[in-house]
């Protein structure tokens, strides 16, 4: 049997002076939402290239989201099995 579902991710980016903030949200079919956050700061001596700050902030937000998703998975496995879970790469 094949089971297909679709999850969506949204990423919001805000720039304030030399700092860029990103929030990555993952929405699952059962309305679960996980959120990751990332920040990038430009050195005032560096040339202003907004895309670089956005890329770095988003990359950090996605990395944070990935970590939170793994932690949620571990918690779900432990709840389902009653045993400690150890995920490997």
PDB file of N, CA and C in Angstrom:
ATOM      1  N   UNK A   1       0.839  -1.170   0.000  1.00  0.00           N
ATOM      2  CA  UNK A   1       0.000   0.000   0.000  1.00  0.00           C
ATOM      3  C   UNK A   1       0.893   1.246   0.000  1.00  0.00           C
ATOM      4  N   UNK A   2       0.537   2.209  -0.807  1.00  0.00           N
ATOM      5  CA  UNK A   2       1.273   3.459  -0.889  1.00  0.00           C
ATOM      6  C   UNK A   2       0.500   4.537  -0.141  1.00  0.00           C
ATOM      7  N   UNK A   3       1.212   5.241   0.690  1.00  0.00           N
ATOM      8  CA  UNK A   3       0.624   6.348   1.442  1.00  0.00           C
ATOM      9  C   UNK A   3       1.381   7.614   1.059  1.00  0.00           C
ATOM     10  N   UNK A   4       0.667   8.625   0.652  1.00  0.00           N
ATOM     11  CA  UNK A   4       1.283   9.880   0.255  1.00  0.00           C
ATOM     12  C   UNK A   4       0.671  11.009   1.069  1.00  0.00           C
ATOM     13  N   UNK A   5       1.512  11.919   1.503  1.00  0.00           N
ATOM     14  CA  UNK A   5       1.028  13.119   2.170  1.00  0.00           C
ATOM     15  C   UNK A   5       1.963  14.269   1.827  1.00  0.00           C
ATOM     16  N   UNK A   6       1.515  15.462   2.102  1.00  0.00           N
ATOM     17  CA  UNK A   6       2.311  16.633   1.785  1.00  0.00           C
ATOM     18  C   UNK A   6       2.434  17.519   3.014  1.00  0.00           C
ATOM     19  N   UNK A   7       3.654  17.893   3.327  1.00  0.00           N
ATOM     20  CA  UNK A   7       3.922  18.858   4.371  1.00  0.00           C
ATOM     21  C   UNK A   7       4.405  20.127   3.685  1.00  0.00           C
ATOM     22  N   UNK A   8       4.151  21.255   4.297  1.00  0.00           N
ATOM     23  CA  UNK A   8       4.622  22.516   3.724  1.00  0.00           C
ATOM     24  C   UNK A   8       5.528  23.238   4.710  1.00  0.00           C
ATOM     25  N   UNK A   9       6.417  24.003   4.159  1.00  0.00           N
ATOM     26  CA  UNK A   9       7.311  24.820   4.979  1.00  0.00           C
ATOM     27  C   UNK A   9       7.177  26.265   4.520  1.00  0.00           C
ATOM     28  N   UNK A  10       7.154  27.158   5.487  1.00  0.00           N
ATOM     29  CA  UNK A  10       7.176  28.581   5.180  1.00  0.00           C
ATOM     30  C   UNK A  10       8.385  29.195   5.874  1.00  0.00           C
ATOM     31  N   UNK A  11       8.941  30.188   5.234  1.00  0.00           N
ATOM     32  CA  UNK A  11      10.096  30.867   5.803  1.00  0.00           C
ATOM     33  C   UNK A  11       9.838  32.364   5.754  1.00  0.00           C
ATOM     34  N   UNK A  12       9.909  32.997   6.904  1.00  0.00           N
ATOM     35  CA  UNK A  12       9.752  34.441   7.006  1.00  0.00           C
ATOM     36  C   UNK A  12      11.118  35.045   7.317  1.00  0.00           C
ATOM     37  N   UNK A  13      11.446  36.114   6.598  1.00  0.00           N
ATOM     38  CA  UNK A  13      12.747  36.767   6.761  1.00  0.00           C
ATOM     39  C   UNK A  13      12.502  38.243   7.064  1.00  0.00           C
ATOM     40  N   UNK A  14      13.182  38.732   8.096  1.00  0.00           N
ATOM     41  CA  UNK A  14      13.106  40.151   8.456  1.00  0.00           C
ATOM     42  C   UNK A  14      14.516  40.705   8.573  1.00  0.00           C
ATOM     43  N   UNK A  15      14.717  41.861   7.988  1.00  0.00           N
ATOM     44  CA  UNK A  15      16.012  42.531   8.085  1.00  0.00           C
ATOM     45  C   UNK A  15      15.853  43.820   8.881  1.00  0.00           C
ATOM     46  N   UNK A  16      16.755  44.008   9.831  1.00  0.00           N
ATOM     47  CA  UNK A  16      16.786  45.230  10.639  1.00  0.00           C
ATOM     48  C   UNK A  16      18.233  45.682  10.725  1.00  0.00           C
ATOM     49  N   UNK A  17      18.545  46.775  10.080  1.00  0.00           N
ATOM     50  CA  UNK A  17      19.903  47.313  10.074  1.00  0.00           C
ATOM     51  C   UNK A  17      20.886  46.232   9.606  1.00  0.00           C
ATOM     52  N   UNK A  18      21.798  45.817  10.471  1.00  0.00           N
ATOM     53  CA  UNK A  18      22.817  44.831  10.100  1.00  0.00           C
ATOM     54  C   UNK A  18      22.460  43.412  10.531  1.00  0.00           C
ATOM     55  N   UNK A  19      21.211  43.172  10.924  1.00  0.00           N
ATOM     56  CA  UNK A  19      20.791  41.859  11.418  1.00  0.00           C
ATOM     57  C   UNK A  19      19.626  41.334  10.600  1.00  0.00           C
ATOM     58  N   UNK A  20      19.705  40.060  10.253  1.00  0.00           N
ATOM     59  CA  UNK A  20      18.624  39.386   9.536  1.00  0.00           C
ATOM     60  C   UNK A  20      18.136  38.221  10.380  1.00  0.00           C
ATOM     61  N   UNK A  21      16.821  38.132  10.547  1.00  0.00           N
ATOM     62  CA  UNK A  21      16.194  37.048  11.299  1.00  0.00           C
ATOM     63  C   UNK A  21      15.349  36.218  10.332  1.00  0.00           C
ATOM     64  N   UNK A  22      15.366  34.906  10.530  1.00  0.00           N
ATOM     65  CA  UNK A  22      14.529  34.016   9.726  1.00  0.00           C
ATOM     66  C   UNK A  22      13.799  33.050  10.654  1.00  0.00           C
ATOM     67  N   UNK A  23      12.551  32.748  10.294  1.00  0.00           N
ATOM     68  CA  UNK A  23      11.758  31.755  11.010  1.00  0.00           C
ATOM     69  C   UNK A  23      11.266  30.757   9.974  1.00  0.00           C
ATOM     70  N   UNK A  24      11.613  29.483  10.164  1.00  0.00           N
ATOM     71  CA  UNK A  24      11.172  28.411   9.274  1.00  0.00           C
ATOM     72  C   UNK A  24      10.118  27.604  10.017  1.00  0.00           C
ATOM     73  N   UNK A  25       8.950  27.455   9.400  1.00  0.00           N
ATOM     74  CA  UNK A  25       7.853  26.698  10.015  1.00  0.00           C
ATOM     75  C   UNK A  25       7.497  25.512   9.137  1.00  0.00           C
ATOM     76  N   UNK A  26       7.369  24.341   9.762  1.00  0.00           N
ATOM     77  CA  UNK A  26       6.966  23.125   9.074  1.00  0.00           C
ATOM     78  C   UNK A  26       5.554  22.785   9.512  1.00  0.00           C
ATOM     79  N   UNK A  27       4.658  22.641   8.544  1.00  0.00           N
ATOM     80  CA  UNK A  27       3.256  22.333   8.816  1.00  0.00           C
ATOM     81  C   UNK A  27       2.964  20.931   8.279  1.00  0.00           C
ATOM     82  N   UNK A  28       2.478  20.039   9.152  1.00  0.00           N
ATOM     83  CA  UNK A  28       2.156  18.676   8.736  1.00  0.00           C
ATOM     84  C   UNK A  28       0.662  18.559   8.486  1.00  0.00           C
ATOM     85  N   UNK A  29       0.249  17.403   7.983  1.00  0.00           N
ATOM     86  CA  UNK A  29      -1.158  17.209   7.636  1.00  0.00           C
ATOM     87  C   UNK A  29      -2.067  17.251   8.854  1.00  0.00           C
ATOM     88  N   UNK A  30      -1.547  16.914  10.034  1.00  0.00           N
ATOM     89  CA  UNK A  30      -2.379  16.942  11.240  1.00  0.00           C
ATOM     90  C   UNK A  30      -2.253  18.265  11.987  1.00  0.00           C
ATOM     91  N   UNK A  31      -1.833  19.292  11.280  1.00  0.00           N
ATOM     92  CA  UNK A  31      -1.745  20.666  11.802  1.00  0.00           C
ATOM     93  C   UNK A  31      -0.622  20.856  12.816  1.00  0.00           C
ATOM     94  N   UNK A  32       0.264  19.880  12.914  1.00  0.00           N
ATOM     95  CA  UNK A  32       1.437  20.070  13.764  1.00  0.00           C
ATOM     96  C   UNK A  32       2.334  21.111  13.110  1.00  0.00           C
ATOM     97  N   UNK A  33       2.849  22.005  13.893  1.00  0.00           N
ATOM     98  CA  UNK A  33       3.770  23.012  13.358  1.00  0.00           C
ATOM     99  C   UNK A  33       5.019  23.054  14.226  1.00  0.00           C
ATOM    100  N   UNK A  34       6.153  22.894  13.592  1.00  0.00           N
ATOM    101  CA  UNK A  34       7.433  23.050  14.264  1.00  0.00           C
ATOM    102  C   UNK A  34       8.072  24.316  13.724  1.00  0.00           C
ATOM    103  N   UNK A  35       8.891  24.952  14.555  1.00  0.00           N
ATOM    104  CA  UNK A  35       9.471  26.232  14.171  1.00  0.00           C
ATOM    105  C   UNK A  35      10.955  26.253  14.488  1.00  0.00           C
ATOM    106  N   UNK A  36      11.739  26.728  13.533  1.00  0.00           N
ATOM    107  CA  UNK A  36      13.171  26.920  13.733  1.00  0.00           C
ATOM    108  C   UNK A  36      13.520  28.373  13.489  1.00  0.00           C
ATOM    109  N   UNK A  37      14.522  28.865  14.190  1.00  0.00           N
ATOM    110  CA  UNK A  37      14.904  30.276  14.071  1.00  0.00           C
ATOM    111  C   UNK A  37      16.393  30.398  13.776  1.00  0.00           C
ATOM    112  N   UNK A  38      16.718  31.426  13.002  1.00  0.00           N
ATOM    113  CA  UNK A  38      18.110  31.689  12.683  1.00  0.00           C
ATOM    114  C   UNK A  38      18.358  33.178  12.542  1.00  0.00           C
ATOM    115  N   UNK A  39      19.575  33.589  12.836  1.00  0.00           N
ATOM    116  CA  UNK A  39      19.960  34.996  12.768  1.00  0.00           C
ATOM    117  C   UNK A  39      21.312  35.125  12.081  1.00  0.00           C
ATOM    118  N   UNK A  40      21.471  36.193  11.330  1.00  0.00           N
ATOM    119  CA  UNK A  40      22.761  36.530  10.732  1.00  0.00           C
ATOM    120  C   UNK A  40      23.036  38.001  11.013  1.00  0.00           C
ATOM    121  N   UNK A  41      24.273  38.291  11.342  1.00  0.00           N
ATOM    122  CA  UNK A  41      24.663  39.677  11.610  1.00  0.00           C
ATOM    123  C   UNK A  41      25.805  40.062  10.680  1.00  0.00           C
ATOM    124  N   UNK A  42      25.654  41.207  10.037  1.00  0.00           N
ATOM    125  CA  UNK A  42      26.697  41.702   9.133  1.00  0.00           C
ATOM    126  C   UNK A  42      27.674  42.560   9.923  1.00  0.00           C
ATOM    127  N   UNK A  43      28.926  42.319   9.697  1.00  0.00           N
ATOM    128  CA  UNK A  43      29.953  43.174  10.266  1.00  0.00           C
ATOM    129  C   UNK A  43      29.828  44.532   9.596  1.00  0.00           C
ATOM    130  N   UNK A  44      29.759  45.619  10.350  1.00  0.00           N
ATOM    131  CA  UNK A  44      29.602  46.952   9.751  1.00  0.00           C
ATOM    132  C   UNK A  44      30.687  47.293   8.726  1.00  0.00           C
ATOM    133  N   UNK A  45      31.835  46.652   8.813  1.00  0.00           N
ATOM    134  CA  UNK A  45      32.912  46.913   7.862  1.00  0.00           C
ATOM    135  C   UNK A  45      32.701  46.186   6.533  1.00  0.00           C
ATOM    136  N   UNK A  46      31.792  45.201   6.507  1.00  0.00           N
ATOM    137  CA  UNK A  46      31.537  44.431   5.290  1.00  0.00           C
ATOM    138  C   UNK A  46      30.588  45.169   4.365  1.00  0.00           C
ATOM    139  N   UNK A  47      30.687  44.869   3.089  1.00  0.00           N
ATOM    140  CA  UNK A  47      29.792  45.437   2.087  1.00  0.00           C
ATOM    141  C   UNK A  47      28.382  44.910   2.315  1.00  0.00           C
ATOM    142  N   UNK A  48      27.376  45.733   2.088  1.00  0.00           N
ATOM    143  CA  UNK A  48      25.984  45.338   2.311  1.00  0.00           C
ATOM    144  C   UNK A  48      25.461  44.528   1.122  1.00  0.00           C
ATOM    145  N   UNK A  49      25.222  43.216   1.372  1.00  0.00           N
ATOM    146  CA  UNK A  49      24.650  42.318   0.371  1.00  0.00           C
ATOM    147  C   UNK A  49      23.519  41.568   1.079  1.00  0.00           C
ATOM    148  N   UNK A  50      22.290  42.087   1.030  1.00  0.00           N
ATOM    149  CA  UNK A  50      21.186  41.503   1.796  1.00  0.00           C
ATOM    150  C   UNK A  50      20.956  40.008   1.548  1.00  0.00           C
ATOM    151  N   UNK A  51      21.219  39.538   0.328  1.00  0.00           N
ATOM    152  CA  UNK A  51      20.985  38.129   0.025  1.00  0.00           C
ATOM    153  C   UNK A  51      21.843  37.211   0.882  1.00  0.00           C
ATOM    154  N   UNK A  52      23.055  37.646   1.194  1.00  0.00           N
ATOM    155  CA  UNK A  52      23.951  36.818   1.999  1.00  0.00           C
ATOM    156  C   UNK A  52      23.401  36.679   3.415  1.00  0.00           C
ATOM    157  N   UNK A  53      22.940  37.760   3.998  1.00  0.00           N
ATOM    158  CA  UNK A  53      22.351  37.690   5.336  1.00  0.00           C
ATOM    159  C   UNK A  53      21.114  36.810   5.349  1.00  0.00           C
ATOM    160  N   UNK A  54      20.286  36.922   4.309  1.00  0.00           N
ATOM    161  CA  UNK A  54      19.082  36.096   4.227  1.00  0.00           C
ATOM    162  C   UNK A  54      19.450  34.621   4.100  1.00  0.00           C
ATOM    163  N   UNK A  55      20.414  34.326   3.238  1.00  0.00           N
ATOM    164  CA  UNK A  55      20.833  32.928   3.062  1.00  0.00           C
ATOM    165  C   UNK A  55      21.320  32.321   4.370  1.00  0.00           C
ATOM    166  N   UNK A  56      22.158  33.058   5.081  1.00  0.00           N
ATOM    167  CA  UNK A  56      22.719  32.534   6.325  1.00  0.00           C
ATOM    168  C   UNK A  56      21.652  32.390   7.398  1.00  0.00           C
ATOM    169  N   UNK A  57      20.793  33.380   7.541  1.00  0.00           N
ATOM    170  CA  UNK A  57      19.724  33.303   8.545  1.00  0.00           C
ATOM    171  C   UNK A  57      18.777  32.149   8.233  1.00  0.00           C
ATOM    172  N   UNK A  58      18.429  31.965   6.964  1.00  0.00           N
ATOM    173  CA  UNK A  58      17.538  30.861   6.582  1.00  0.00           C
ATOM    174  C   UNK A  58      18.226  29.519   6.812  1.00  0.00           C
ATOM    175  N   UNK A  59      19.490  29.409   6.449  1.00  0.00           N
ATOM    176  CA  UNK A  59      20.220  28.154   6.683  1.00  0.00           C
ATOM    177  C   UNK A  59      20.228  27.805   8.171  1.00  0.00           C
ATOM    178  N   UNK A  60      20.435  28.788   9.006  1.00  0.00           N
ATOM    179  CA  UNK A  60      20.439  28.544  10.451  1.00  0.00           C
ATOM    180  C   UNK A  60      19.045  28.190  10.961  1.00  0.00           C
ATOM    181  N   UNK A  61      18.016  28.825  10.411  1.00  0.00           N
ATOM    182  CA  UNK A  61      16.639  28.508  10.810  1.00  0.00           C
ATOM    183  C   UNK A  61      16.285  27.082  10.407  1.00  0.00           C
ATOM    184  N   UNK A  62      16.694  26.671   9.208  1.00  0.00           N
ATOM    185  CA  UNK A  62      16.414  25.305   8.757  1.00  0.00           C
ATOM    186  C   UNK A  62      17.189  24.280   9.579  1.00  0.00           C
ATOM    187  N   UNK A  63      18.422  24.596   9.951  1.00  0.00           N
ATOM    188  CA  UNK A  63      19.197  23.695  10.801  1.00  0.00           C
ATOM    189  C   UNK A  63      18.532  23.544  12.172  1.00  0.00           C
ATOM    190  N   UNK A  64      18.028  24.651  12.714  1.00  0.00           N
ATOM    191  CA  UNK A  64      17.316  24.617  13.987  1.00  0.00           C
ATOM    192  C   UNK A  64      16.031  23.802  13.855  1.00  0.00           C
ATOM    193  N   UNK A  65      15.322  23.992  12.754  1.00  0.00           N
ATOM    194  CA  UNK A  65      14.096  23.227  12.496  1.00  0.00           C
ATOM    195  C   UNK A  65      14.405  21.738  12.394  1.00  0.00           C
ATOM    196  N   UNK A  66      15.470  21.397  11.707  1.00  0.00           N
ATOM    197  CA  UNK A  66      15.876  19.992  11.569  1.00  0.00           C
ATOM    198  C   UNK A  66      16.145  19.378  12.942  1.00  0.00           C
ATOM    199  N   UNK A  67      16.841  20.105  13.792  1.00  0.00           N
ATOM    200  CA  UNK A  67      17.120  19.611  15.137  1.00  0.00           C
ATOM    201  C   UNK A  67      15.827  19.402  15.929  1.00  0.00           C
ATOM    202  N   UNK A  68      14.916  20.338  15.834  1.00  0.00           N
ATOM    203  CA  UNK A  68      13.642  20.219  16.550  1.00  0.00           C
ATOM    204  C   UNK A  68      12.790  19.061  16.024  1.00  0.00           C
ATOM    205  N   UNK A  69      12.849  18.811  14.710  1.00  0.00           N
ATOM    206  CA  UNK A  69      12.105  17.695  14.128  1.00  0.00           C
ATOM    207  C   UNK A  69      12.659  16.359  14.609  1.00  0.00           C
ATOM    208  N   UNK A  70      13.974  16.246  14.694  1.00  0.00           N
ATOM    209  CA  UNK A  70      14.581  15.019  15.215  1.00  0.00           C
ATOM    210  C   UNK A  70      14.201  14.827  16.683  1.00  0.00           C
ATOM    211  N   UNK A  71      14.240  15.890  17.468  1.00  0.00           N
ATOM    212  CA  UNK A  71      13.855  15.789  18.881  1.00  0.00           C
ATOM    213  C   UNK A  71      12.391  15.366  19.017  1.00  0.00           C
ATOM    214  N   UNK A  72      11.509  15.896  18.174  1.00  0.00           N
ATOM    215  CA  UNK A  72      10.095  15.509  18.207  1.00  0.00           C
ATOM    216  C   UNK A  72       9.934  14.039  17.821  1.00  0.00           C
ATOM    217  N   UNK A  73      10.724  13.591  16.855  1.00  0.00           N
ATOM    218  CA  UNK A  73      10.676  12.193  16.429  1.00  0.00           C
ATOM    219  C   UNK A  73      11.115  11.276  17.561  1.00  0.00           C
ATOM    220  N   UNK A  74      12.182  11.643  18.235  1.00  0.00           N
ATOM    221  CA  UNK A  74      12.659  10.841  19.375  1.00  0.00           C
ATOM    222  C   UNK A  74      11.582  10.766  20.448  1.00  0.00           C
ATOM    223  N   UNK A  75      10.967  11.875  20.765  1.00  0.00           N
ATOM    224  CA  UNK A  75       9.907  11.893  21.783  1.00  0.00           C
ATOM    225  C   UNK A  75       8.736  11.010  21.360  1.00  0.00           C
ATOM    226  N   UNK A  76       8.366  11.054  20.082  1.00  0.00           N
ATOM    227  CA  UNK A  76       7.263  10.220  19.589  1.00  0.00           C
ATOM    228  C   UNK A  76       7.605   8.736  19.660  1.00  0.00           C
ATOM    229  N   UNK A  77       8.837   8.375  19.306  1.00  0.00           N
ATOM    230  CA  UNK A  77       9.267   6.976  19.380  1.00  0.00           C
ATOM    231  C   UNK A  77       9.239   6.506  20.830  1.00  0.00           C
ATOM    232  N   UNK A  78       9.759   7.315  21.728  1.00  0.00           N
ATOM    233  CA  UNK A  78       9.790   6.940  23.138  1.00  0.00           C
ATOM    234  C   UNK A  78       8.386   6.801  23.713  1.00  0.00           C
ATOM    235  N   UNK A  79       7.486   7.664  23.291  1.00  0.00           N
ATOM    236  CA  UNK A  79       6.101   7.568  23.765  1.00  0.00           C
ATOM    237  C   UNK A  79       5.431   6.303  23.220  1.00  0.00           C
ATOM    238  N   UNK A  80       5.715   5.963  21.976  1.00  0.00           N
ATOM    239  CA  UNK A  80       5.084   4.794  21.355  1.00  0.00           C
ATOM    240  C   UNK A  80       5.638   3.477  21.881  1.00  0.00           C
ATOM    241  N   UNK A  81       6.930   3.468  22.213  1.00  0.00           N
ATOM    242  CA  UNK A  81       7.562   2.205  22.620  1.00  0.00           C
ATOM    243  C   UNK A  81       7.770   2.077  24.118  1.00  0.00           C
ATOM    244  N   UNK A  82       7.779   3.197  24.827  1.00  0.00           N
ATOM    245  CA  UNK A  82       8.080   3.154  26.249  1.00  0.00           C
ATOM    246  C   UNK A  82       9.551   2.905  26.525  1.00  0.00           C
ATOM    247  N   UNK A  83      10.376   3.000  25.501  1.00  0.00           N
ATOM    248  CA  UNK A  83      11.816   2.761  25.621  1.00  0.00           C
ATOM    249  C   UNK A  83      12.582   4.002  25.165  1.00  0.00           C
ATOM    250  N   UNK A  84      13.785   4.205  25.702  1.00  0.00           N
ATOM    251  CA  UNK A  84      14.609   5.310  25.220  1.00  0.00           C
ATOM    252  C   UNK A  84      14.955   5.100  23.740  1.00  0.00           C
ATOM    253  N   UNK A  85      14.922   6.159  22.969  1.00  0.00           N
ATOM    254  CA  UNK A  85      15.239   6.071  21.538  1.00  0.00           C
ATOM    255  C   UNK A  85      16.585   6.727  21.271  1.00  0.00           C
ATOM    256  N   UNK A  86      17.342   6.094  20.403  1.00  0.00           N
ATOM    257  CA  UNK A  86      18.657   6.613  19.995  1.00  0.00           C
ATOM    258  C   UNK A  86      18.714   6.524  18.475  1.00  0.00           C
ATOM    259  N   UNK A  87      18.626   7.675  17.831  1.00  0.00           N
ATOM    260  CA  UNK A  87      18.671   7.692  16.373  1.00  0.00           C
ATOM    261  C   UNK A  87      20.111   7.811  15.919  1.00  0.00           C
ATOM    262  N   UNK A  88      20.429   7.119  14.837  1.00  0.00           N
ATOM    263  CA  UNK A  88      21.752   7.223  14.240  1.00  0.00           C
ATOM    264  C   UNK A  88      21.613   7.871  12.869  1.00  0.00           C
ATOM    265  N   UNK A  89      22.681   8.364  12.366  1.00  0.00           N
ATOM    266  CA  UNK A  89      22.641   9.045  11.059  1.00  0.00           C
ATOM    267  C   UNK A  89      22.484   8.072   9.952  1.00  0.00           C
TER     268      UNK A  89
END
